[in-house]
Amino acid sequence: MDGTTGKPMIREAVGVFHAQAALEGAISDLTRAGVDRAEMSILAQDDLVTGEPTKIGASTREEAEDPATPRGAIYGDTDIRQGRTLLTSMAGAIAALAAGGAVVLTGGAALAALAAAIGAGGGAGAIGALVGQHTGAVQQKFLAEQMARGGILLWVKIMRAEQEGPIRDILARHAATDVHVHEIRAD
């Protein structure tokens, strides 16, 4: 507990990665070691709703230590592919349901509506694929920008004391620099 606010303190390991492949390898090994992906975070990207840029500190080290640094969920190529597949599948299912409903409502006389719904489902699927490609490109650009600024920060919450050593070892094994543990106040 923090003596001034009474809020609990959270221990977390921090490392800076200089290659995306090393980051992804560390995330994979951390997951295999029992660390939940929800306990890992990277610097947040620009706010997708407001477009406000992420607050950037004077240095990567400063960002790592500042509890107010905006953090975002980790996701990789597999997550993007799965999202694209889900979006495309949902679009096709919605189109099929719409076509089925039109056929039922018109007593089968809605062949044109059926054809239009099938076309719309295909169009929605194509849009889903494009959104997935765009998301992947945006993520790649963001990570490249972070590497150019000094590296990609990865924070890993230490939920149990016995996790600390293995987490630090995994970060170091995957070439993270400035690997250390600090405490921050829980929000």
C-alpha atoms as a PDB file:
ATOM      1  CA  MET A   1       0.000   0.000   0.000  1.00  0.00           C
ATOM      2  CA  ASP A   2       1.105   3.506  -0.805  1.00  0.00           C
ATOM      3  CA  GLY A   3       1.464   5.431   2.463  1.00  0.00           C
ATOM      4  CA  THR A   4       0.144   8.710   1.004  1.00  0.00           C
ATOM      5  CA  THR A   5      -2.936   7.527  -0.907  1.00  0.00           C
ATOM      6  CA  GLY A   6      -3.704   4.141   0.617  1.00  0.00           C
ATOM      7  CA  LYS A   7      -3.804   2.632  -2.880  1.00  0.00           C
ATOM      8  CA  PRO A   8      -2.066  -0.693  -3.464  1.00  0.00           C
ATOM      9  CA  MET A   9       1.277  -0.744  -5.236  1.00  0.00           C
ATOM     10  CA  ILE A  10       1.886  -2.856  -8.333  1.00  0.00           C
ATOM     11  CA  ARG A  11       5.284  -4.318  -9.172  1.00  0.00           C
ATOM     12  CA  GLU A  12       6.078  -4.560 -12.830  1.00  0.00           C
ATOM     13  CA  ALA A  13       9.034  -5.477 -14.974  1.00  0.00           C
ATOM     14  CA  VAL A  14       9.962  -3.157 -17.822  1.00  0.00           C
ATOM     15  CA  GLY A  15      12.169  -3.761 -20.835  1.00  0.00           C
ATOM     16  CA  VAL A  16      12.991  -1.899 -24.038  1.00  0.00           C
ATOM     17  CA  PHE A  17      13.011  -3.842 -27.313  1.00  0.00           C
ATOM     18  CA  HIS A  18      14.854  -2.811 -30.454  1.00  0.00           C
ATOM     19  CA  ALA A  19      13.323  -5.371 -32.814  1.00  0.00           C
ATOM     20  CA  GLN A  20       9.703  -6.376 -33.256  1.00  0.00           C
ATOM     21  CA  ALA A  21      10.628 -10.058 -33.619  1.00  0.00           C
ATOM     22  CA  ALA A  22      12.354  -9.952 -30.210  1.00  0.00           C
ATOM     23  CA  LEU A  23       9.271  -8.311 -28.661  1.00  0.00           C
ATOM     24  CA  GLU A  24       6.959 -10.942 -30.156  1.00  0.00           C
ATOM     25  CA  GLY A  25       9.272 -13.737 -28.978  1.00  0.00           C
ATOM     26  CA  ALA A  26       9.273 -12.343 -25.444  1.00  0.00           C
ATOM     27  CA  ILE A  27       5.477 -12.032 -25.428  1.00  0.00           C
ATOM     28  CA  SER A  28       5.169 -15.622 -26.626  1.00  0.00           C
ATOM     29  CA  ASP A  29       7.588 -16.919 -23.959  1.00  0.00           C
ATOM     30  CA  LEU A  30       5.930 -14.845 -21.227  1.00  0.00           C
ATOM     31  CA  THR A  31       2.561 -16.315 -22.186  1.00  0.00           C
ATOM     32  CA  ARG A  32       4.006 -19.852 -22.115  1.00  0.00           C
ATOM     33  CA  ALA A  33       5.441 -19.072 -18.660  1.00  0.00           C
ATOM     34  CA  GLY A  34       1.923 -18.329 -17.387  1.00  0.00           C
ATOM     35  CA  VAL A  35       1.787 -14.542 -17.704  1.00  0.00           C
ATOM     36  CA  ASP A  36      -1.631 -13.424 -18.910  1.00  0.00           C
ATOM     37  CA  ARG A  37      -1.472 -11.157 -21.966  1.00  0.00           C
ATOM     38  CA  ALA A  38      -3.759  -8.767 -20.074  1.00  0.00           C
ATOM     39  CA  GLU A  39      -0.843  -8.190 -17.677  1.00  0.00           C
ATOM     40  CA  MET A  40       1.411  -6.957 -20.526  1.00  0.00           C
ATOM     41  CA  SER A  41       1.250  -3.561 -22.197  1.00  0.00           C
ATOM     42  CA  ILE A  42       3.103  -1.312 -24.614  1.00  0.00           C
ATOM     43  CA  LEU A  43       2.963   2.428 -25.203  1.00  0.00           C
ATOM     44  CA  ALA A  44      -0.530   3.328 -26.406  1.00  0.00           C
ATOM     45  CA  GLN A  45      -1.055   4.513 -29.964  1.00  0.00           C
ATOM     46  CA  ASP A  46      -2.935   7.706 -30.810  1.00  0.00           C
ATOM     47  CA  ASP A  47      -6.495   7.712 -29.533  1.00  0.00           C
ATOM     48  CA  LEU A  48      -8.479   6.116 -32.354  1.00  0.00           C
ATOM     49  CA  VAL A  49     -11.651   8.046 -31.476  1.00  0.00           C
ATOM     50  CA  THR A  50     -10.343  11.568 -30.875  1.00  0.00           C
ATOM     51  CA  GLY A  51      -7.123  11.306 -32.867  1.00  0.00           C
ATOM     52  CA  GLU A  52      -5.236  12.880 -29.959  1.00  0.00           C
ATOM     53  CA  PRO A  53      -1.580  11.843 -30.042  1.00  0.00           C
ATOM     54  CA  THR A  54      -0.110   9.754 -27.281  1.00  0.00           C
ATOM     55  CA  LYS A  55       1.831  11.792 -24.739  1.00  0.00           C
ATOM     56  CA  ILE A  56       5.494  11.320 -25.491  1.00  0.00           C
ATOM     57  CA  GLY A  57       8.056  11.701 -22.731  1.00  0.00           C
ATOM     58  CA  ALA A  58      11.511  13.175 -23.114  1.00  0.00           C
ATOM     59  CA  SER A  59      13.044   9.699 -23.130  1.00  0.00           C
ATOM     60  CA  THR A  60      12.076   6.058 -23.249  1.00  0.00           C
ATOM     61  CA  ARG A  61      13.321   5.676 -19.664  1.00  0.00           C
ATOM     62  CA  GLU A  62      11.132   8.588 -18.539  1.00  0.00           C
ATOM     63  CA  GLU A  63       8.098   7.011 -20.208  1.00  0.00           C
ATOM     64  CA  ALA A  64       8.886   3.645 -18.610  1.00  0.00           C
ATOM     65  CA  GLU A  65       8.865   5.143 -15.114  1.00  0.00           C
ATOM     66  CA  ASP A  66       5.868   7.490 -15.478  1.00  0.00           C
ATOM     67  CA  PRO A  67       2.661   5.783 -14.307  1.00  0.00           C
ATOM     68  CA  ALA A  68       0.680   8.313 -16.364  1.00  0.00           C
ATOM     69  CA  THR A  69       2.254   7.141 -19.642  1.00  0.00           C
ATOM     70  CA  PRO A  70      -0.668   5.841 -21.703  1.00  0.00           C
ATOM     71  CA  ARG A  71      -0.446   2.110 -22.214  1.00  0.00           C
ATOM     72  CA  GLY A  72      -2.152  -0.099 -24.723  1.00  0.00           C
ATOM     73  CA  ALA A  73      -2.888  -3.758 -25.114  1.00  0.00           C
ATOM     74  CA  ILE A  74      -0.358  -5.882 -26.913  1.00  0.00           C
ATOM     75  CA  TYR A  75      -1.325  -7.509 -30.151  1.00  0.00           C
ATOM     76  CA  GLY A  76       0.585  -9.143 -32.933  1.00  0.00           C
ATOM     77  CA  ASP A  77       0.163 -10.377 -36.463  1.00  0.00           C
ATOM     78  CA  THR A  78      -1.868 -13.383 -35.310  1.00  0.00           C
ATOM     79  CA  ASP A  79      -4.317 -11.115 -33.475  1.00  0.00           C
ATOM     80  CA  ILE A  80      -4.750  -8.942 -36.572  1.00  0.00           C
ATOM     81  CA  ARG A  81      -5.360 -11.996 -38.793  1.00  0.00           C
ATOM     82  CA  GLN A  82      -7.896 -13.374 -36.321  1.00  0.00           C
ATOM     83  CA  GLY A  83      -9.695 -10.014 -36.178  1.00  0.00           C
ATOM     84  CA  ARG A  84      -9.804  -9.782 -39.953  1.00  0.00           C
ATOM     85  CA  THR A  85     -11.196 -13.343 -40.170  1.00  0.00           C
ATOM     86  CA  LEU A  86     -13.814 -12.582 -37.532  1.00  0.00           C
ATOM     87  CA  LEU A  87     -14.883  -9.350 -39.224  1.00  0.00           C
ATOM     88  CA  THR A  88     -15.130 -11.009 -42.636  1.00  0.00           C
ATOM     89  CA  SER A  89     -17.074 -13.965 -41.214  1.00  0.00           C
ATOM     90  CA  MET A  90     -19.485 -11.685 -39.364  1.00  0.00           C
ATOM     91  CA  ALA A  91     -20.146  -9.681 -42.528  1.00  0.00           C
ATOM     92  CA  GLY A  92     -20.949 -12.864 -44.465  1.00  0.00           C
ATOM     93  CA  ALA A  93     -23.228 -14.149 -41.699  1.00  0.00           C
ATOM     94  CA  ILE A  94     -25.117 -10.855 -41.514  1.00  0.00           C
ATOM     95  CA  ALA A  95     -25.587 -10.830 -45.287  1.00  0.00           C
ATOM     96  CA  ALA A  96     -26.874 -14.408 -45.200  1.00  0.00           C
ATOM     97  CA  LEU A  97     -29.328 -13.592 -42.417  1.00  0.00           C
ATOM     98  CA  ALA A  98     -30.525 -10.501 -44.266  1.00  0.00           C
ATOM     99  CA  ALA A  99     -31.037 -12.508 -47.459  1.00  0.00           C
ATOM    100  CA  GLY A 100     -32.869 -15.258 -45.599  1.00  0.00           C
ATOM    101  CA  GLY A 101     -35.101 -12.707 -43.903  1.00  0.00           C
ATOM    102  CA  ALA A 102     -35.918 -11.013 -47.204  1.00  0.00           C
ATOM    103  CA  VAL A 103     -36.829 -14.328 -48.806  1.00  0.00           C
ATOM    104  CA  VAL A 104     -39.072 -15.276 -45.867  1.00  0.00           C
ATOM    105  CA  LEU A 105     -40.760 -11.850 -45.705  1.00  0.00           C
ATOM    106  CA  THR A 106     -41.569 -11.816 -49.420  1.00  0.00           C
ATOM    107  CA  GLY A 107     -42.579 -15.453 -49.648  1.00  0.00           C
ATOM    108  CA  GLY A 108     -39.621 -16.294 -51.849  1.00  0.00           C
ATOM    109  CA  ALA A 109     -40.200 -13.539 -54.370  1.00  0.00           C
ATOM    110  CA  ALA A 110     -37.119 -11.599 -53.320  1.00  0.00           C
ATOM    111  CA  LEU A 111     -34.501 -13.121 -55.548  1.00  0.00           C
ATOM    112  CA  ALA A 112     -33.137  -9.656 -56.328  1.00  0.00           C
ATOM    113  CA  ALA A 113     -32.912  -8.903 -52.607  1.00  0.00           C
ATOM    114  CA  LEU A 114     -31.074 -12.187 -52.108  1.00  0.00           C
ATOM    115  CA  ALA A 115     -28.557 -11.338 -54.824  1.00  0.00           C
ATOM    116  CA  ALA A 116     -28.064  -7.843 -53.378  1.00  0.00           C
ATOM    117  CA  ALA A 117     -27.525  -9.239 -49.866  1.00  0.00           C
ATOM    118  CA  ILE A 118     -24.967 -11.727 -51.138  1.00  0.00           C
ATOM    119  CA  GLY A 119     -23.179  -8.904 -52.931  1.00  0.00           C
ATOM    120  CA  ALA A 120     -23.311  -6.757 -49.796  1.00  0.00           C
ATOM    121  CA  GLY A 121     -21.855  -9.601 -47.728  1.00  0.00           C
ATOM    122  CA  GLY A 122     -18.973  -9.964 -50.161  1.00  0.00           C
ATOM    123  CA  GLY A 123     -18.421  -6.200 -50.120  1.00  0.00           C
ATOM    124  CA  ALA A 124     -18.504  -6.115 -46.335  1.00  0.00           C
ATOM    125  CA  GLY A 125     -16.028  -9.011 -46.264  1.00  0.00           C
ATOM    126  CA  ALA A 126     -13.693  -7.116 -48.575  1.00  0.00           C
ATOM    127  CA  ILE A 127     -13.974  -4.044 -46.360  1.00  0.00           C
ATOM    128  CA  GLY A 128     -13.150  -6.219 -43.353  1.00  0.00           C
ATOM    129  CA  ALA A 129     -10.026  -7.503 -45.105  1.00  0.00           C
ATOM    130  CA  LEU A 130      -8.962  -3.943 -45.951  1.00  0.00           C
ATOM    131  CA  VAL A 131      -9.524  -2.799 -42.365  1.00  0.00           C
ATOM    132  CA  GLY A 132      -7.357  -5.677 -41.141  1.00  0.00           C
ATOM    133  CA  GLN A 133      -4.587  -4.788 -43.586  1.00  0.00           C
ATOM    134  CA  HIS A 134      -4.771  -1.123 -42.565  1.00  0.00           C
ATOM    135  CA  THR A 135      -4.648  -2.036 -38.873  1.00  0.00           C
ATOM    136  CA  GLY A 136      -1.557  -4.169 -39.467  1.00  0.00           C
ATOM    137  CA  ALA A 137       0.140  -1.359 -41.402  1.00  0.00           C
ATOM    138  CA  VAL A 138      -0.693   1.177 -38.676  1.00  0.00           C
ATOM    139  CA  GLN A 139       0.710  -1.159 -35.998  1.00  0.00           C
ATOM    140  CA  GLN A 140       3.920  -1.714 -37.995  1.00  0.00           C
ATOM    141  CA  LYS A 141       4.381   2.036 -38.495  1.00  0.00           C
ATOM    142  CA  PHE A 142       3.773   2.724 -34.800  1.00  0.00           C
ATOM    143  CA  LEU A 143       6.298   0.102 -33.703  1.00  0.00           C
ATOM    144  CA  ALA A 144       8.870   1.409 -36.207  1.00  0.00           C
ATOM    145  CA  GLU A 145       8.386   4.930 -34.804  1.00  0.00           C
ATOM    146  CA  GLN A 146       8.914   3.619 -31.273  1.00  0.00           C
ATOM    147  CA  MET A 147      12.104   1.842 -32.309  1.00  0.00           C
ATOM    148  CA  ALA A 148      13.374   5.060 -33.931  1.00  0.00           C
ATOM    149  CA  ARG A 149      12.711   6.948 -30.663  1.00  0.00           C
ATOM    150  CA  GLY A 150      14.733   4.514 -28.588  1.00  0.00           C
ATOM    151  CA  GLY A 151      12.837   1.232 -28.521  1.00  0.00           C
ATOM    152  CA  ILE A 152       9.503  -0.385 -27.786  1.00  0.00           C
ATOM    153  CA  LEU A 153       8.595  -0.429 -24.102  1.00  0.00           C
ATOM    154  CA  LEU A 154       7.003  -3.556 -22.674  1.00  0.00           C
ATOM    155  CA  TRP A 155       5.548  -3.467 -19.173  1.00  0.00           C
ATOM    156  CA  VAL A 156       4.725  -6.770 -17.447  1.00  0.00           C
ATOM    157  CA  LYS A 157       2.786  -6.794 -14.169  1.00  0.00           C
ATOM    158  CA  ILE A 158       4.225  -9.153 -11.591  1.00  0.00           C
ATOM    159  CA  MET A 159       1.207 -10.765 -10.005  1.00  0.00           C
ATOM    160  CA  ARG A 160       3.159 -13.182  -7.751  1.00  0.00           C
ATOM    161  CA  ALA A 161       6.634 -12.719  -6.263  1.00  0.00           C
ATOM    162  CA  GLU A 162       7.917 -15.966  -7.790  1.00  0.00           C
ATOM    163  CA  GLN A 163       7.212 -14.593 -11.300  1.00  0.00           C
ATOM    164  CA  GLU A 164       9.729 -11.756 -11.027  1.00  0.00           C
ATOM    165  CA  GLY A 165      12.895 -13.732 -11.795  1.00  0.00           C
ATOM    166  CA  PRO A 166      11.483 -15.687 -14.746  1.00  0.00           C
ATOM    167  CA  ILE A 167       9.921 -12.540 -16.251  1.00  0.00           C
ATOM    168  CA  ARG A 168      13.208 -10.640 -16.027  1.00  0.00           C
ATOM    169  CA  ASP A 169      15.053 -13.633 -17.506  1.00  0.00           C
ATOM    170  CA  ILE A 170      12.651 -13.855 -20.455  1.00  0.00           C
ATOM    171  CA  LEU A 171      12.953 -10.138 -21.203  1.00  0.00           C
ATOM    172  CA  ALA A 172      16.750 -10.328 -21.083  1.00  0.00           C
ATOM    173  CA  ARG A 173      16.863 -13.531 -23.157  1.00  0.00           C
ATOM    174  CA  HIS A 174      14.963 -11.714 -25.924  1.00  0.00           C
ATOM    175  CA  ALA A 175      17.474  -8.842 -25.999  1.00  0.00           C
ATOM    176  CA  ALA A 176      15.439  -6.297 -24.045  1.00  0.00           C
ATOM    177  CA  THR A 177      17.624  -3.525 -22.681  1.00  0.00           C
ATOM    178  CA  ASP A 178      17.207  -1.554 -19.461  1.00  0.00           C
ATOM    179  CA  VAL A 179      15.332  -4.486 -17.893  1.00  0.00           C
ATOM    180  CA  HIS A 180      14.300  -3.521 -14.384  1.00  0.00           C
ATOM    181  CA  VAL A 181      11.443  -3.762 -11.887  1.00  0.00           C
ATOM    182  CA  HIS A 182       9.641  -0.836 -10.345  1.00  0.00           C
ATOM    183  CA  GLU A 183       6.500  -0.166  -8.360  1.00  0.00           C
ATOM    184  CA  ILE A 184       3.609   2.067  -9.363  1.00  0.00           C
ATOM    185  CA  ARG A 185       0.387   2.988  -7.616  1.00  0.00           C
ATOM    186  CA  ALA A 186      -2.689   1.083  -8.772  1.00  0.00           C
ATOM    187  CA  ASP A 187      -5.426   3.284 -10.193  1.00  0.00           C
END
